[in-house]
Protein backbone atom coordinates (compact mmCIF):
# COMPACT_ATOMS: atom_id res chain seq x y z
CA MET A 1 -5.76 -0.65 14.39
CA PRO A 2 -4.18 2.08 12.25
CA GLN A 3 -6.35 3.95 9.82
CA PRO A 4 -5.57 3.79 6.10
CA PRO A 5 -4.15 6.99 4.63
CA SER A 6 -6.74 9.53 3.59
CA LEU A 7 -6.67 9.88 -0.18
CA THR A 8 -8.55 12.14 -2.48
CA PRO A 9 -10.95 10.37 -4.83
CA GLU A 10 -8.53 11.01 -7.71
CA GLN A 11 -5.60 9.50 -5.79
CA ARG A 12 -7.68 6.50 -4.81
CA ALA A 13 -8.80 5.93 -8.41
CA ALA A 14 -5.20 6.19 -9.63
CA ALA A 15 -4.02 3.71 -7.00
CA LEU A 16 -6.77 1.23 -7.88
CA GLU A 17 -5.97 1.55 -11.58
CA LYS A 18 -2.26 0.95 -10.95
CA ALA A 19 -3.00 -2.09 -8.78
CA ALA A 20 -5.23 -3.61 -11.45
CA ARG A 21 -2.59 -3.00 -14.14
CA ILE A 22 0.14 -4.63 -12.02
CA ARG A 23 -2.08 -7.67 -11.30
CA LYS A 24 -2.76 -8.15 -15.02
CA GLU A 25 0.94 -7.78 -15.82
CA ARG A 26 1.92 -10.35 -13.16
CA ALA A 27 -0.67 -12.79 -14.48
CA ALA A 28 0.75 -12.40 -18.00
CA ILE A 29 4.31 -12.94 -16.71
CA LYS A 30 3.30 -16.10 -14.84
CA ARG A 31 1.46 -17.38 -17.92
CA ASP A 32 4.48 -16.69 -20.14
CA LEU A 33 6.76 -18.52 -17.71
CA LYS A 34 4.38 -21.49 -17.54
CA GLU A 35 4.11 -21.71 -21.33
CA GLY A 36 7.86 -21.30 -21.87
CA ARG A 37 7.70 -17.98 -23.72
CA LEU A 38 9.73 -16.34 -20.94
CA SER A 39 12.72 -17.89 -19.23
CA LEU A 40 13.62 -17.47 -15.57
CA ALA A 41 16.85 -15.72 -16.59
CA ALA A 42 14.94 -13.24 -18.76
CA ALA A 43 12.43 -12.57 -15.98
CA LEU A 44 15.21 -11.90 -13.47
CA ASP A 45 16.94 -9.59 -15.96
CA GLN A 46 13.71 -7.65 -16.54
CA ALA A 47 13.17 -7.16 -12.80
CA ALA A 48 15.40 -4.08 -12.68
CA GLY A 49 13.08 -2.11 -14.96
CA ASN A 50 9.77 -3.83 -14.32
CA GLU A 51 8.00 -3.14 -11.02
CA ALA A 52 5.59 -6.05 -11.53
CA ILE A 53 8.44 -8.58 -11.57
CA ALA A 54 10.60 -6.77 -9.01
CA LYS A 55 7.91 -6.86 -6.34
CA MET A 56 6.86 -10.44 -7.11
CA LYS A 57 7.84 -13.07 -4.57
CA VAL A 58 10.58 -15.43 -5.73
CA LEU A 59 8.45 -18.41 -4.64
CA VAL A 60 5.56 -17.35 -6.90
CA LEU A 61 7.98 -16.85 -9.79
CA LEU A 62 9.43 -20.35 -9.33
CA GLU A 63 6.00 -21.96 -8.97
CA SER A 64 5.13 -20.48 -12.37
CA LEU A 65 7.88 -22.46 -14.08
CA PRO A 66 6.63 -25.56 -15.91
CA ALA A 67 9.08 -27.97 -14.27
CA LEU A 68 8.59 -26.74 -10.69
CA GLY A 69 5.61 -27.12 -8.44
CA LYS A 70 5.00 -25.79 -4.95
CA VAL A 71 7.01 -28.46 -3.16
CA LYS A 72 10.05 -28.36 -5.47
CA ALA A 73 10.06 -24.55 -5.46
CA ARG A 74 10.11 -24.47 -1.65
CA ARG A 75 12.88 -27.08 -1.53
CA LEU A 76 14.92 -25.08 -4.01
CA LEU A 77 14.57 -21.91 -1.92
CA ASP A 78 15.57 -23.82 1.22
CA GLN A 79 18.56 -25.33 -0.54
CA ILE A 80 19.81 -21.92 -1.67
CA GLY A 81 18.91 -20.19 1.58
CA ILE A 82 16.31 -17.77 0.26
CA ALA A 83 13.35 -16.93 2.50
CA GLU A 84 9.91 -17.73 1.11
CA SER A 85 8.89 -14.12 1.65
CA ARG A 86 11.83 -12.73 -0.40
CA ARG A 87 10.88 -10.61 -3.37
CA VAL A 88 12.78 -10.68 -6.66
CA GLN A 89 14.18 -7.17 -6.16
CA GLY A 90 15.77 -8.31 -2.89
CA LEU A 91 17.84 -11.12 -4.39
CA GLY A 92 21.59 -10.76 -4.28
CA SER A 93 23.80 -11.57 -7.25
CA ILE A 94 25.00 -14.85 -5.73
CA GLN A 95 21.42 -15.89 -4.95
CA ARG A 96 20.41 -15.15 -8.55
CA GLU A 97 23.29 -17.24 -9.90
CA GLU A 98 22.44 -20.17 -7.61
CA LEU A 99 18.76 -19.90 -8.48
CA LEU A 100 19.46 -19.99 -12.20
CA LYS A 101 21.95 -22.83 -11.84
CA LEU A 102 19.63 -25.04 -9.79
CA ALA A 103 16.26 -24.14 -11.35
CA VAL A 104 17.38 -24.87 -14.90
CA ARG A 105 18.53 -28.42 -14.12
């Protein structure tokens, strides 16, 4: 099994702080989506400048929408042809359009 990279205590502390900040930001994004304060289109638009959204899995983003649960989100991804492991930053323009068209219905 490979060994983790050796980091100085300062580097490790910085990495842990960044990870905690990103987790809190993702939780806030999912909460905003669930409560309707943030739309799917707005979240996808913000992905270019927001690492927390860009590295979020599309499935998790869809499951956070109020009208979609786990089963419907998976069906939607299958229908469009997006892998469950795909992250938001990896979506193509056609996939984004299809996602917005079908998820908003």
